C-alpha atoms as a PDB file:
ATOM      1  CA  MET A   1      96.744-115.845 107.418  1.00  0.00           C
ATOM      2  CA  LYS A   2      96.108-114.579 103.964  1.00  0.00           C
ATOM      3  CA  THR A   3      93.844-112.138 102.372  1.00  0.00           C
ATOM      4  CA  VAL A   4      93.339-112.437  98.672  1.00  0.00           C
ATOM      5  CA  GLN A   5      91.946-110.401  95.916  1.00  0.00           C
ATOM      6  CA  ALA A   6      91.718-111.608  92.130  1.00  0.00           C
ATOM      7  CA  THR A   7      90.072-110.766  88.796  1.00  0.00           C
ATOM      8  CA  ASP A   8      90.723-111.602  85.350  1.00  0.00           C
ATOM      9  CA  THR A   9      93.904-109.045  85.335  1.00  0.00           C
ATOM     10  CA  ALA A  10      95.245-109.131  88.357  1.00  0.00           C
ATOM     11  CA  VAL A  11      95.961-111.183  92.173  1.00  0.00           C
ATOM     12  CA  SER A  12      96.982-109.561  95.186  1.00  0.00           C
ATOM     13  CA  ILE A  13      97.714-112.100  98.075  1.00  0.00           C
ATOM     14  CA  TRP A  14      98.736-110.555 101.820  1.00  0.00           C
ATOM     15  CA  ILE A  15     100.469-113.091 103.900  1.00  0.00           C
ATOM     16  CA  SER A  16     100.879-112.322 107.305  1.00  0.00           C
ATOM     17  CA  ARG A  17     103.017-114.270 110.092  1.00  0.00           C
ATOM     18  CA  GLU A  18     103.931-117.108 107.627  1.00  0.00           C
ATOM     19  CA  ALA A  19     106.813-117.554 105.130  1.00  0.00           C
ATOM     20  CA  ALA A  20     107.147-115.666 102.117  1.00  0.00           C
ATOM     21  CA  PRO A  21     106.626-118.486  99.050  1.00  0.00           C
ATOM     22  CA  THR A  22     109.006-119.710  96.722  1.00  0.00           C
ATOM     23  CA  GLY A  23     108.629-118.863  93.094  1.00  0.00           C
ATOM     24  CA  GLU A  24     106.909-121.938  92.205  1.00  0.00           C
ATOM     25  CA  GLN A  25     104.571-121.710  95.552  1.00  0.00           C
ATOM     26  CA  MET A  26     103.831-118.116  94.524  1.00  0.00           C
ATOM     27  CA  LEU A  27     102.410-119.615  91.064  1.00  0.00           C
ATOM     28  CA  LEU A  28     100.532-122.103  92.434  1.00  0.00           C
ATOM     29  CA  LEU A  29      98.802-119.610  95.074  1.00  0.00           C
ATOM     30  CA  VAL A  30      97.792-117.245  91.922  1.00  0.00           C
ATOM     31  CA  ARG A  31      96.359-120.215  90.219  1.00  0.00           C
ATOM     32  CA  GLN A  32      94.652-121.364  92.940  1.00  0.00           C
ATOM     33  CA  ALA A  33      92.911-117.794  93.714  1.00  0.00           C
ATOM     34  CA  LEU A  34      91.809-117.763  90.342  1.00  0.00           C
ATOM     35  CA  MET A  35      90.102-121.120  90.310  1.00  0.00           C
ATOM     36  CA  GLU A  36      88.436-120.220  93.693  1.00  0.00           C
ATOM     37  CA  ARG A  37      87.102-117.466  92.183  1.00  0.00           C
ATOM     38  CA  GLY A  38      85.645-119.448  89.242  1.00  0.00           C
ATOM     39  CA  LEU A  39      88.255-117.555  86.824  1.00  0.00           C
ATOM     40  CA  ALA A  40      90.421-119.226  84.043  1.00  0.00           C
ATOM     41  CA  PRO A  41      94.101-119.715  85.157  1.00  0.00           C
ATOM     42  CA  TRP A  42      96.461-117.836  82.778  1.00  0.00           C
ATOM     43  CA  SER A  43      98.673-119.318  80.761  1.00  0.00           C
ATOM     44  CA  GLU A  44     101.796-117.681  81.538  1.00  0.00           C
ATOM     45  CA  THR A  45     101.746-115.351  85.111  1.00  0.00           C
ATOM     46  CA  GLU A  46     104.395-112.597  85.738  1.00  0.00           C
ATOM     47  CA  ALA A  47     104.290-112.643  89.707  1.00  0.00           C
ATOM     48  CA  GLU A  48     106.203-110.052  92.355  1.00  0.00           C
ATOM     49  CA  CYS A  49     106.578-110.855  95.735  1.00  0.00           C
ATOM     50  CA  PHE A  50     107.642-108.304  98.796  1.00  0.00           C
ATOM     51  CA  THR A  51     108.370-108.803 102.189  1.00  0.00           C
ATOM     52  CA  ALA A  52     108.475-106.308 105.386  1.00  0.00           C
ATOM     53  CA  GLY A  53     109.028-107.912 108.621  1.00  0.00           C
ATOM     54  CA  GLU A  54     106.259-110.721 109.051  1.00  0.00           C
ATOM     55  CA  ASP A  55     104.099-109.682 105.784  1.00  0.00           C
ATOM     56  CA  THR A  56     104.284-110.750 102.179  1.00  0.00           C
ATOM     57  CA  LEU A  57     102.543-109.356  99.603  1.00  0.00           C
ATOM     58  CA  VAL A  58     102.019-110.789  95.988  1.00  0.00           C
ATOM     59  CA  ILE A  59     101.299-108.989  92.875  1.00  0.00           C
ATOM     60  CA  ALA A  60     100.481-111.180  89.846  1.00  0.00           C
ATOM     61  CA  ARG A  61      99.307-110.300  86.525  1.00  0.00           C
ATOM     62  CA  PRO A  62      98.842-112.357  83.250  1.00  0.00           C
ATOM     63  CA  GLY A  63     101.962-112.679  81.356  1.00  0.00           C
ATOM     64  CA  HIS A  64     102.478-112.117  77.757  1.00  0.00           C
ATOM     65  CA  GLY A  65     105.093-114.161  76.466  1.00  0.00           C
ATOM     66  CA  ARG A  66     108.428-112.310  77.556  1.00  0.00           C
ATOM     67  CA  ARG A  67     110.793-111.819  74.691  1.00  0.00           C
ATOM     68  CA  GLN A  68     114.118-113.748  74.724  1.00  0.00           C
ATOM     69  CA  GLY A  69     117.596-112.326  74.534  1.00  0.00           C
ATOM     70  CA  PHE A  70     120.437-113.663  72.809  1.00  0.00           C
ATOM     71  CA  TYR A  71     124.085-112.120  73.043  1.00  0.00           C
ATOM     72  CA  PHE A  72     126.754-112.135  70.409  1.00  0.00           C
ATOM     73  CA  ALA A  73     130.298-110.955  71.040  1.00  0.00           C
ATOM     74  CA  ASP A  74     131.039-110.303  67.229  1.00  0.00           C
ATOM     75  CA  LEU A  75     128.687-109.824  64.075  1.00  0.00           C
ATOM     76  CA  GLU A  76     129.768-112.896  62.199  1.00  0.00           C
ATOM     77  CA  ASP A  77     128.476-115.198  65.127  1.00  0.00           C
ATOM     78  CA  LEU A  78     125.433-112.673  64.918  1.00  0.00           C
ATOM     79  CA  LEU A  79     124.411-113.286  61.513  1.00  0.00           C
ATOM     80  CA  ALA A  80     124.930-116.807  61.769  1.00  0.00           C
ATOM     81  CA  GLY A  81     122.483-117.100  64.727  1.00  0.00           C
ATOM     82  CA  ALA A  82     119.924-114.733  62.656  1.00  0.00           C
ATOM     83  CA  GLN A  83     119.936-117.508  59.886  1.00  0.00           C
ATOM     84  CA  GLY A  84     118.123-119.962  61.776  1.00  0.00           C
ATOM     85  CA  CYS A  85     115.583-117.451  63.117  1.00  0.00           C
ATOM     86  CA  ALA A  86     112.037-117.503  62.026  1.00  0.00           C
ATOM     87  CA  ASP A  87     110.535-114.096  60.935  1.00  0.00           C
ATOM     88  CA  GLY A  88     108.775-112.272  63.520  1.00  0.00           C
ATOM     89  CA  SER A  89     108.968-109.567  66.025  1.00  0.00           C
ATOM     90  CA  GLY A  90     112.481-109.122  67.017  1.00  0.00           C
ATOM     91  CA  SER A  91     115.087-106.049  67.611  1.00  0.00           C
ATOM     92  CA  LEU A  92     118.632-105.624  67.580  1.00  0.00           C
ATOM     93  CA  TYR A  93     120.496-103.480  70.314  1.00  0.00           C
ATOM     94  CA  ALA A  94     124.521-102.516  70.560  1.00  0.00           C
ATOM     95  CA  LEU A  95     126.078-103.440  73.655  1.00  0.00           C
ATOM     96  CA  GLU A  96     129.831-102.202  74.678  1.00  0.00           C
ATOM     97  CA  GLU A  97     130.767-105.755  74.187  1.00  0.00           C
ATOM     98  CA  GLY A  98     128.894-106.879  71.295  1.00  0.00           C
ATOM     99  CA  TYR A  99     124.900-107.167  70.525  1.00  0.00           C
ATOM    100  CA  LEU A 100     121.759-108.351  71.876  1.00  0.00           C
ATOM    101  CA  LEU A 101     119.093-109.836  69.397  1.00  0.00           C
ATOM    102  CA  VAL A 102     115.817-109.749  71.569  1.00  0.00           C
ATOM    103  CA  LEU A 103     112.845-112.334  69.868  1.00  0.00           C
ATOM    104  CA  ALA A 104     109.592-113.490  70.527  1.00  0.00           C
ATOM    105  CA  PRO A 105     109.786-117.068  71.990  1.00  0.00           C
ATOM    106  CA  GLU A 106     108.343-118.548  68.987  1.00  0.00           C
ATOM    107  CA  ALA A 107     110.818-116.674  66.464  1.00  0.00           C
ATOM    108  CA  ALA A 108     113.713-118.245  68.431  1.00  0.00           C
ATOM    109  CA  GLY A 109     115.540-121.172  66.331  1.00  0.00           C
ATOM    110  CA  PRO A 110     118.441-123.638  67.632  1.00  0.00           C
ATOM    111  CA  ALA A 111     121.303-121.642  66.086  1.00  0.00           C
ATOM    112  CA  LEU A 112     120.681-118.760  68.650  1.00  0.00           C
ATOM    113  CA  TYR A 113     121.960-121.125  71.257  1.00  0.00           C
ATOM    114  CA  GLU A 114     124.635-122.743  68.775  1.00  0.00           C
ATOM    115  CA  TYR A 115     126.459-119.032  68.452  1.00  0.00           C
ATOM    116  CA  GLY A 116     124.655-116.749  70.730  1.00  0.00           C
ATOM    117  CA  GLU A 117     124.414-116.996  74.474  1.00  0.00           C
ATOM    118  CA  ALA A 118     120.873-116.801  76.011  1.00  0.00           C
ATOM    119  CA  ARG A 119     120.493-113.827  78.489  1.00  0.00           C
ATOM    120  CA  SER A 120     117.352-113.036  80.909  1.00  0.00           C
ATOM    121  CA  MET A 121     116.109-109.622  80.720  1.00  0.00           C
ATOM    122  CA  GLY A 122     113.748-107.573  82.911  1.00  0.00           C
ATOM    123  CA  PRO A 123     110.543-106.828  81.673  1.00  0.00           C
ATOM    124  CA  ASP A 124     111.596-103.133  81.107  1.00  0.00           C
ATOM    125  CA  TRP A 125     115.121-103.866  79.498  1.00  0.00           C
ATOM    126  CA  GLU A 126     114.078-102.773  76.146  1.00  0.00           C
ATOM    127  CA  LEU A 127     112.531 -99.479  77.021  1.00  0.00           C
ATOM    128  CA  HIS A 128     115.777 -98.792  78.954  1.00  0.00           C
ATOM    129  CA  ALA A 129     117.712 -99.728  75.785  1.00  0.00           C
ATOM    130  CA  ARG A 130     116.053 -97.623  73.743  1.00  0.00           C
ATOM    131  CA  GLU A 131     116.169 -94.604  76.107  1.00  0.00           C
ATOM    132  CA  GLN A 132     119.940 -94.998  76.208  1.00  0.00           C
ATOM    133  CA  GLY A 133     120.285 -95.131  72.318  1.00  0.00           C
ATOM    134  CA  MET A 134     121.379 -98.570  72.320  1.00  0.00           C
ATOM    135  CA  GLY A 135     118.630 -99.650  69.585  1.00  0.00           C
ATOM    136  CA  LEU A 136     119.735-100.808  65.808  1.00  0.00           C
ATOM    137  CA  ILE A 137     116.949-102.341  64.457  1.00  0.00           C
ATOM    138  CA  ARG A 138     113.506-101.972  65.953  1.00  0.00           C
ATOM    139  CA  GLU A 139     111.579-104.223  64.126  1.00  0.00           C
ATOM    140  CA  ASP A 140     111.797-107.962  62.582  1.00  0.00           C
ATOM    141  CA  ALA A 141     115.749-107.596  63.114  1.00  0.00           C
ATOM    142  CA  ALA A 142     116.636-111.345  62.046  1.00  0.00           C
ATOM    143  CA  ALA A 143     114.817-111.227  58.402  1.00  0.00           C
ATOM    144  CA  VAL A 144     116.417-107.384  58.184  1.00  0.00           C
ATOM    145  CA  LEU A 145     120.078-109.037  59.005  1.00  0.00           C
ATOM    146  CA  ARG A 146     119.378-112.059  56.514  1.00  0.00           C
ATOM    147  CA  ARG A 147     118.371-109.758  53.917  1.00  0.00           C
ATOM    148  CA  VAL A 148     121.055-107.236  54.102  1.00  0.00           C
ATOM    149  CA  PHE A 149     123.686-109.209  54.643  1.00  0.00           C
ATOM    150  CA  SER A 150     122.742-111.836  52.044  1.00  0.00           C
ATOM    151  CA  ARG A 151     122.570-109.377  49.247  1.00  0.00           C
ATOM    152  CA  GLY A 152     125.899-107.555  50.317  1.00  0.00           C
ATOM    153  CA  GLU A 153     123.813-104.442  50.735  1.00  0.00           C
ATOM    154  CA  SER A 154     125.248-101.772  52.993  1.00  0.00           C
ATOM    155  CA  GLY A 155     123.438-100.063  55.783  1.00  0.00           C
ATOM    156  CA  LEU A 156     120.388-100.833  57.859  1.00  0.00           C
END
């Protein structure tokens, strides 16, 4: 049995006495719920699934181009990766073992994959990192790195 609530900003699906859906099945259920109510399917969807006994609750909302993280072990690799990025929203964080450059998907260039390692991040990772004092450059990090290091300036 399924009970569905859907608006243009949220979908909830309560499933009773059925197996919990896979990630792909969740997205299909959300899309179907929106279309059945005459709402346009979202281009991106963020969905979570909670189970308890024989009950499952799916909660979904429109996604908003989750930013991508790229890990670099040293400054040299970070600078090489930043050379191939488009200007755009991006932040740089210090990790114990290196750096994490976080960019909008459209700003990520091939050099990031050559010199860095893609890392998945939860939706609240950046908020947590800023609270922990890990932030080095808050906005347009790749452009700031290129500008500062190409001129030989010191300090960010």
